[in-house]
Protein backbone atom coordinates (compact mmCIF):
# COMPACT_ATOMS: atom_id res chain seq x y z
CA MET A 1 -67.17 106.91 80.92
CA LEU A 2 -70.37 104.89 80.84
CA ILE A 3 -72.41 105.47 77.67
CA ASP A 4 -75.56 105.60 79.77
CA GLN A 5 -74.02 108.33 81.92
CA TYR A 6 -73.13 110.38 78.86
CA VAL A 7 -76.63 110.01 77.38
CA ARG A 8 -78.27 110.91 80.68
CA GLU A 9 -76.18 114.00 81.39
CA ILE A 10 -76.02 115.32 77.82
CA ALA A 11 -79.83 115.33 77.50
CA ALA A 12 -80.04 118.59 79.46
CA THR A 13 -78.11 120.37 76.68
CA ASP A 14 -80.51 119.33 73.91
CA THR A 15 -82.64 122.41 73.22
CA MET A 16 -83.35 121.60 69.55
CA LYS A 17 -86.82 120.96 68.21
CA PRO A 18 -88.04 117.33 68.47
CA ASP A 19 -87.86 116.91 64.68
CA VAL A 20 -85.49 114.27 63.32
CA GLN A 21 -84.42 116.03 60.12
CA PRO A 22 -82.59 119.04 61.68
CA VAL A 23 -80.60 116.62 63.83
CA LEU A 24 -79.70 114.56 60.76
CA PHE A 25 -78.47 117.72 59.04
CA GLY A 26 -76.43 118.57 62.14
CA LEU A 27 -74.92 115.09 62.16
CA PHE A 28 -74.05 115.43 58.47
CA GLY A 29 -72.35 118.78 59.13
CA GLU A 30 -70.26 117.46 62.02
CA VAL A 31 -69.02 114.51 59.95
CA GLY A 32 -67.89 117.09 57.41
CA GLY A 33 -65.96 118.74 60.24
CA ILE A 34 -64.27 115.44 61.08
CA MET A 35 -63.26 114.96 57.47
CA ALA A 36 -61.89 118.51 57.11
CA ALA A 37 -59.86 118.43 60.35
CA ALA A 38 -58.52 114.92 59.73
CA LYS A 39 -57.48 115.81 56.18
CA LYS A 40 -55.61 118.89 57.41
CA HIS A 41 -53.65 116.72 59.79
CA HIS A 42 -53.00 114.13 57.09
CA ARG A 43 -51.84 116.81 54.65
CA GLU A 44 -49.87 119.09 56.97
CA GLY A 45 -48.85 116.79 59.80
CA LYS A 46 -47.34 118.62 62.76
CA VAL A 47 -47.71 121.95 60.95
CA PHE A 48 -51.45 121.81 61.68
CA ASP A 49 -51.38 122.94 65.30
CA GLY A 50 -54.14 121.73 67.53
CA TYR A 51 -55.03 118.75 65.32
CA ARG A 52 -55.88 116.45 68.16
CA ARG A 53 -58.02 119.03 69.95
CA ALA A 54 -59.83 120.04 66.75
CA VAL A 55 -60.59 116.48 65.63
CA GLU A 56 -61.54 115.43 69.16
CA GLU A 57 -64.06 118.28 69.27
CA GLU A 58 -65.57 117.31 65.92
CA PHE A 59 -65.91 113.68 67.04
CA GLY A 60 -67.53 114.91 70.27
CA ASP A 61 -70.05 117.09 68.44
CA THR A 62 -70.88 114.15 66.17
CA LEU A 63 -71.49 112.02 69.25
CA TRP A 64 -73.81 114.74 70.59
CA TYR A 65 -75.95 114.64 67.44
CA LEU A 66 -75.87 110.86 67.48
CA ALA A 67 -77.28 110.84 71.01
CA ALA A 68 -79.88 113.46 70.02
CA LEU A 69 -80.96 111.36 67.04
CA CYS A 70 -81.34 108.23 69.18
CA ARG A 71 -83.38 110.26 71.66
CA ARG A 72 -85.82 111.29 68.94
CA LEU A 73 -86.09 107.78 67.54
CA ASP A 74 -86.52 106.28 71.02
CA LEU A 75 -83.43 104.13 70.46
CA SER A 76 -80.74 103.18 72.95
CA LEU A 77 -77.35 104.61 71.98
CA GLU A 78 -75.74 101.96 74.13
CA LYS A 79 -77.56 99.23 72.19
CA ILE A 80 -76.61 100.79 68.84
CA LEU A 81 -72.94 100.90 69.88
CA ASP A 82 -73.13 97.31 71.08
CA GLN A 83 -74.63 96.12 67.79
CA ALA A 84 -72.12 98.12 65.73
CA THR A 85 -69.11 96.63 67.50
CA ASP A 86 -70.43 93.07 67.66
CA GLY A 87 -69.57 90.20 65.31
CA ASP A 88 -66.42 89.13 63.52
CA ARG A 89 -65.43 92.65 62.49
CA TYR A 90 -64.34 93.39 66.05
CA MET A 91 -62.36 91.47 68.60
CA SER A 92 -62.98 91.88 72.30
CA VAL A 93 -60.26 92.35 74.87
CA LEU A 94 -60.79 92.50 78.61
CA ALA A 95 -59.42 95.21 80.86
CA ALA A 96 -59.39 95.73 84.61
CA SER A 97 -62.13 98.27 85.32
CA ASP A 98 -61.53 101.50 87.25
CA MET A 99 -65.10 101.34 88.55
CA GLN A 100 -65.67 99.95 92.01
CA SER A 101 -69.06 98.61 90.91
CA GLY A 102 -67.55 96.57 88.10
CA THR A 103 -64.32 94.61 87.89
CA ILE A 104 -64.03 93.91 84.16
CA ALA A 105 -64.50 96.14 81.12
CA ARG A 106 -64.91 94.82 77.57
CA ILE A 107 -63.03 96.75 74.88
CA ALA A 108 -64.01 96.37 71.22
CA VAL A 109 -61.17 96.71 68.73
CA SER A 110 -61.72 96.71 64.97
CA ARG A 111 -59.93 93.89 63.15
CA GLU A 112 -59.82 95.92 59.93
CA VAL A 113 -56.78 98.10 59.25
CA VAL A 114 -58.00 100.78 56.86
CA ALA A 115 -56.25 103.86 55.47
CA LEU A 116 -57.48 107.23 56.72
CA ASP A 117 -58.81 108.34 53.33
CA ASP A 118 -60.83 105.16 52.90
CA THR A 119 -62.21 105.39 56.43
CA LEU A 120 -63.28 109.01 55.95
CA LEU A 121 -64.93 108.18 52.62
CA THR A 122 -66.89 105.32 54.17
CA LEU A 123 -67.95 107.54 57.10
CA GLY A 124 -69.18 110.21 54.67
CA GLN A 125 -71.16 107.66 52.67
CA ALA A 126 -72.68 106.22 55.85
CA VAL A 127 -73.95 109.61 57.10
CA SER A 128 -75.28 110.44 53.61
CA SER A 129 -77.33 107.26 53.64
CA LEU A 130 -79.05 108.42 56.84
CA LEU A 131 -80.43 111.48 55.07
CA GLU A 132 -82.26 109.33 52.53
CA LEU A 133 -84.66 107.77 55.03
CA PRO A 134 -86.25 110.45 57.23
CA GLY A 135 -89.24 109.08 59.11
CA GLN A 136 -88.50 105.41 58.36
CA SER A 137 -87.33 104.32 61.79
CA GLU A 138 -86.59 100.63 61.11
CA ALA A 139 -84.49 101.24 58.02
CA LEU A 140 -82.87 104.22 59.72
CA GLU A 141 -81.87 102.10 62.72
CA ALA A 142 -80.02 99.60 60.50
CA ARG A 143 -78.15 102.37 58.73
CA LEU A 144 -77.47 104.02 62.06
CA VAL A 145 -75.72 100.85 63.25
CA HIS A 146 -73.59 100.94 60.09
CA PHE A 147 -72.80 104.62 60.62
CA VAL A 148 -71.69 103.97 64.21
CA ASP A 149 -69.48 101.14 62.97
CA CYS A 150 -67.79 103.59 60.58
CA TYR A 151 -67.58 106.23 63.30
CA MET A 152 -65.80 103.86 65.70
CA LYS A 153 -63.34 102.72 63.02
CA THR A 154 -62.54 106.33 62.09
CA LEU A 155 -62.02 107.12 65.75
CA GLN A 156 -59.58 104.21 65.99
CA VAL A 157 -57.68 105.23 62.84
CA ALA A 158 -57.46 108.81 64.15
CA GLU A 159 -55.87 107.38 67.32
CA LEU A 160 -58.26 109.18 69.66
CA SER A 161 -59.69 108.03 72.98
CA PHE A 162 -63.46 107.58 72.86
CA GLY A 163 -63.56 108.30 76.59
CA ASP A 164 -61.75 111.63 76.13
CA VAL A 165 -64.07 112.52 73.25
CA ALA A 166 -67.18 111.89 75.38
CA ARG A 167 -65.84 113.62 78.51
CA THR A 168 -64.62 116.69 76.62
CA ASN A 169 -67.91 117.05 74.76
CA LEU A 170 -69.93 116.65 77.94
CA ALA A 171 -67.88 119.30 79.74
CA LYS A 172 -68.10 121.71 76.80
CA THR A 173 -71.83 121.41 76.17
CA THR A 174 -72.98 121.36 79.79
CA GLY A 175 -70.70 124.33 80.44
CA ARG A 176 -72.44 126.20 77.64
CA PHE A 177 -76.09 125.20 78.02
CA VAL A 178 -76.58 124.19 81.67
CA ASP A 179 -76.64 126.79 84.44
CA PRO A 180 -73.73 126.07 86.77
CA GLN A 181 -74.13 125.34 90.47
CA VAL A 182 -72.87 128.46 92.21
CA SER A 183 -71.32 126.43 95.03
CA LEU A 184 -69.17 124.53 92.51
CA LEU A 185 -67.82 127.58 90.69
CA PRO A 186 -64.13 128.35 91.23
CA THR A 187 -63.05 131.41 93.25
CA PHE A 188 -59.27 131.17 92.65
CA ASP A 189 -58.12 133.27 95.62
CA ALA A 190 -60.16 132.03 98.61
CA ALA A 191 -57.04 130.45 100.17
CA PHE A 192 -55.13 133.77 100.13
CA GLU A 193 -55.09 136.64 102.62
CA PRO A 194 -57.60 139.47 102.02
CA ASP A 195 -54.90 141.81 100.69
CA GLU A 196 -54.22 139.28 97.91
CA GLN A 197 -57.88 138.72 97.03
CA LEU A 198 -60.00 140.59 94.56
CA PRO A 199 -62.47 142.64 96.65
CA ASN A 200 -65.82 140.97 97.27
CA GLU A 201 -67.53 144.31 96.68
CA PHE A 202 -66.15 147.32 94.85
CA SER A 203 -67.23 150.68 93.44
CA ILE A 204 -64.88 152.19 90.88
CA GLU A 205 -65.48 155.52 89.18
CA ILE A 206 -64.76 156.01 85.50
CA MET A 207 -64.70 159.66 84.45
CA GLN A 208 -63.85 161.47 81.27
CA LYS A 209 -62.09 164.83 81.43
CA ARG A 210 -62.08 167.61 78.87
CA SER A 211 -58.99 166.13 77.25
CA GLY A 212 -61.14 163.17 76.19
CA ARG A 213 -59.11 160.77 78.35
CA SER A 214 -60.79 158.44 80.83
CA TYR A 215 -59.63 158.09 84.43
CA LEU A 216 -60.26 155.46 87.13
CA ARG A 217 -60.75 156.28 90.80
CA TRP A 218 -61.04 153.74 93.61
CA HIS A 219 -61.30 154.75 97.29
CA ASN A 220 -60.72 158.36 96.17
CA VAL A 221 -57.36 157.39 94.64
CA PHE A 222 -56.68 157.48 90.91
CA ILE A 223 -55.49 154.10 89.61
CA GLY A 224 -54.04 153.01 86.29
CA ASP A 225 -53.23 155.30 83.38
CA PRO A 226 -55.54 157.74 81.62
CA LEU A 227 -56.82 156.18 78.40
CA THR A 228 -57.91 157.23 74.93
CA ASP A 229 -59.55 155.09 72.27
CA ASN A 230 -56.23 154.69 70.40
CA ILE A 231 -58.06 154.53 67.07
CA ARG A 232 -58.87 157.02 64.30
CA ASP A 233 -62.66 156.76 64.70
CA PRO A 234 -63.62 157.04 68.42
CA ASP A 235 -65.55 154.01 69.64
CA GLY A 236 -65.43 154.19 73.44
CA TYR A 237 -62.60 151.74 73.99
CA ARG A 238 -61.18 154.20 76.55
CA PHE A 239 -63.82 152.78 78.90
CA HIS A 240 -62.81 149.14 78.32
CA ASP A 241 -61.71 148.63 81.94
CA VAL A 242 -65.40 147.93 82.55
CA PHE A 243 -64.80 144.50 81.03
CA HIS A 244 -61.94 143.73 83.42
CA PHE A 245 -64.20 144.64 86.33
CA ALA A 246 -66.91 142.36 84.92
CA HIS A 247 -64.36 139.54 84.72
CA ALA A 248 -63.39 140.15 88.35
CA ALA A 249 -66.95 140.27 89.66
CA ILE A 250 -68.49 137.42 87.67
CA LEU A 251 -65.57 135.12 86.79
CA HIS A 252 -63.51 135.95 89.92
CA TRP A 253 -60.59 136.46 87.55
CA SER A 254 -58.80 139.50 86.21
CA PRO A 255 -55.01 139.79 86.25
CA VAL A 256 -55.49 143.33 84.89
CA MET A 257 -57.61 144.42 87.86
CA ARG A 258 -55.20 142.74 90.29
CA SER A 259 -52.43 144.82 88.75
CA LEU A 260 -54.50 148.03 88.90
CA ILE A 261 -55.33 147.68 92.61
CA LYS A 262 -51.99 146.07 93.58
CA GLN A 263 -53.49 142.86 94.93
CA LYS A 264 -51.49 140.17 93.20
CA ARG A 265 -50.95 136.82 94.94
CA LYS A 266 -47.28 137.40 95.66
CA SER A 267 -47.21 135.06 98.67
CA ASP A 268 -47.15 132.19 96.18
CA PRO A 269 -44.47 132.97 93.55
CA ARG A 270 -45.79 130.29 91.17
CA VAL A 271 -49.31 131.73 91.17
CA ASP A 272 -47.96 135.27 90.99
CA GLU A 273 -45.88 134.47 87.93
CA ALA A 274 -48.21 132.11 86.06
CA GLN A 275 -51.64 133.61 86.84
CA ASP A 276 -51.05 137.26 87.78
CA GLY A 277 -47.95 138.06 85.71
CA GLY A 278 -47.37 139.99 82.51
CA ARG A 279 -48.37 137.22 80.14
CA ALA A 280 -51.72 136.67 81.88
CA ILE A 281 -52.34 140.42 81.70
CA VAL A 282 -51.58 140.43 77.97
CA VAL A 283 -53.94 137.47 77.46
CA GLU A 284 -56.80 139.29 79.19
CA GLU A 285 -56.12 142.55 77.34
CA GLY A 286 -55.85 140.75 74.00
CA LEU A 287 -59.04 138.79 74.62
CA THR A 288 -60.87 141.98 75.63
CA ALA A 289 -59.72 143.78 72.46
CA TRP A 290 -60.75 140.84 70.27
CA ILE A 291 -64.24 140.60 71.80
CA PHE A 292 -64.59 144.39 71.44
CA SER A 293 -63.86 144.19 67.71
CA ARG A 294 -66.66 141.63 67.34
CA ALA A 295 -69.01 143.60 69.61
CA LYS A 296 -68.66 146.77 67.51
CA GLU A 297 -70.12 144.93 64.55
CA LEU A 298 -73.14 143.93 66.68
CA ASN A 299 -73.94 147.30 68.29
CA PHE A 300 -72.03 146.24 71.40
CA PHE A 301 -74.42 143.29 71.93
CA GLU A 302 -77.40 145.53 72.63
CA GLY A 303 -80.59 143.47 72.68
CA GLN A 304 -78.68 140.16 72.65
CA LYS A 305 -79.43 137.50 75.24
CA SER A 306 -76.78 135.06 74.08
CA LEU A 307 -73.46 134.83 72.27
CA SER A 308 -72.47 132.52 69.45
CA PHE A 309 -71.04 129.17 70.48
CA ASP A 310 -68.11 129.77 68.11
CA MET A 311 -67.17 132.98 69.93
CA LEU A 312 -67.32 131.26 73.31
CA LYS A 313 -65.17 128.36 72.06
CA THR A 314 -62.57 130.85 70.78
CA ILE A 315 -62.55 132.51 74.20
CA ARG A 316 -61.93 129.11 75.78
CA ASP A 317 -58.94 128.61 73.45
CA PHE A 318 -57.67 132.09 74.33
CA VAL A 319 -57.47 131.34 78.06
CA ARG A 320 -56.41 127.70 77.86
CA GLY A 321 -53.75 126.98 80.47
CA TYR A 322 -54.89 129.74 82.85
CA GLU A 323 -57.02 129.26 85.95
CA VAL A 324 -60.09 130.90 84.37
CA ASP A 325 -60.25 127.97 81.96
CA GLN A 326 -62.20 126.25 84.75
CA CYS A 327 -65.13 128.65 84.32
CA PRO A 328 -68.00 127.25 82.22
CA LEU A 329 -68.80 128.98 78.95
CA SER A 330 -72.21 130.03 80.26
CA LEU A 331 -70.47 132.08 82.96
CA TRP A 332 -68.25 133.70 80.32
CA GLU A 333 -71.38 134.58 78.36
CA ARG A 334 -72.90 136.21 81.43
CA ALA A 335 -69.72 138.17 82.21
CA ILE A 336 -69.51 139.50 78.65
CA LEU A 337 -73.19 140.41 78.20
CA ASP A 338 -73.45 142.03 81.66
CA GLY A 339 -70.15 143.82 81.13
CA TYR A 340 -71.32 145.25 77.80
CA SER A 341 -74.62 146.30 79.33
CA VAL A 342 -72.65 148.45 81.80
CA PHE A 343 -70.23 149.59 79.08
CA ARG A 344 -73.07 150.96 76.94
CA GLU A 345 -74.23 153.07 79.91
CA VAL A 346 -70.73 154.36 80.60
CA ARG A 347 -70.16 155.18 76.93
CA ALA A 348 -73.49 156.99 76.60
CA ASN A 349 -72.89 159.07 79.74
CA GLY A 350 -69.17 159.68 79.42
CA GLY A 351 -68.45 157.84 82.66
CA GLY A 352 -70.09 156.31 85.68
CA ILE A 353 -69.63 154.19 88.78
CA ILE A 354 -69.00 150.48 88.29
CA VAL A 355 -70.38 148.41 91.17
CA GLY A 356 -69.18 144.82 91.41
CA ASN A 357 -70.24 142.07 93.78
CA ARG A 358 -68.26 138.82 93.66
CA GLU A 359 -70.56 136.93 96.01
CA ALA A 360 -73.60 137.62 93.82
CA ARG A 361 -71.40 137.59 90.68
CA THR A 362 -72.95 140.82 89.42
CA ILE A 363 -71.81 144.11 87.91
CA GLU A 364 -73.97 147.24 87.75
CA TYR A 365 -73.86 150.84 86.58
CA LYS A 366 -74.54 153.96 88.65
CA PRO A 367 -74.32 157.55 87.40
CA LEU A 368 -71.54 159.75 88.69
CA GLU A 369 -72.43 162.25 91.37
CA LYS A 370 -71.94 165.85 90.29
CA GLU A 371 -68.89 167.42 91.94
């Protein structure tokens, strides 16, 4: 990945104030994340699951703040990287380039072999020195070059690919903060026959009977099982199928809904087993229950226009390995907030009609007609 490409594309995700100091604090915090994740790996080895992914993410977030800082100081990140990896401390090796516009790539490799603890300590000291000089651009630039030198050496000691770090961070942040192009969003079942596709438009009734159980009706046929809240203090979870319908309409994904309406992709046994099978259903149900437990603490997201980045990153980890992992985090945010908007209506009225439109990627509430 070209550094200039990263800087150019990541700029759209920078919604912070133009002040330097908050970005410096953010950079300081992310270096702390690198140190914590790297130490866990060093201490626990293979017992610390997800080490590579966790440390790669921390390095990526640090790179984001580094680019944001250079943007505010009107400095070239590419130039800073070039200065940091120049001189006798690094040796250059040449590699055949994958780019058609360039035949040779120069790779900078640190000559110094340093232990992880020493590298982390030096990185921490380097980022601390940046906090001492807010507003002094010339002195800050020199220390910034030193910090980048430490960053690159730590990256090398951690045995991570700088390219993977940049690409992963770009995908994560643009997926969260940049509105996706509708034409580029995945549909997952467009290549299948209509009877194996989620319906492009649907209206499903949710009604509550005197027993307190909720029932689903689609095309005048009851589907699924009657539900209760399954908890001592009633909270409306009996209406949670709303969230599966929101997933289907907005994300174009819901193994639970496919099971309810009997429209699994059985013509392809691999897809049927891996994407529509029991494990995928459990993943969606578990994710829905987890989000619900968080939503209860926040009045079911009433009045919220966004979700925390940490919650969205946990959701991404939940669905890793399944087709919906291709959906950007901003689309997940929309599916959850719109789904809970409908859920609050259903809960308040003891039922309703859920109207989904996959082409528009919308879900709406309509009151039940009196029978």
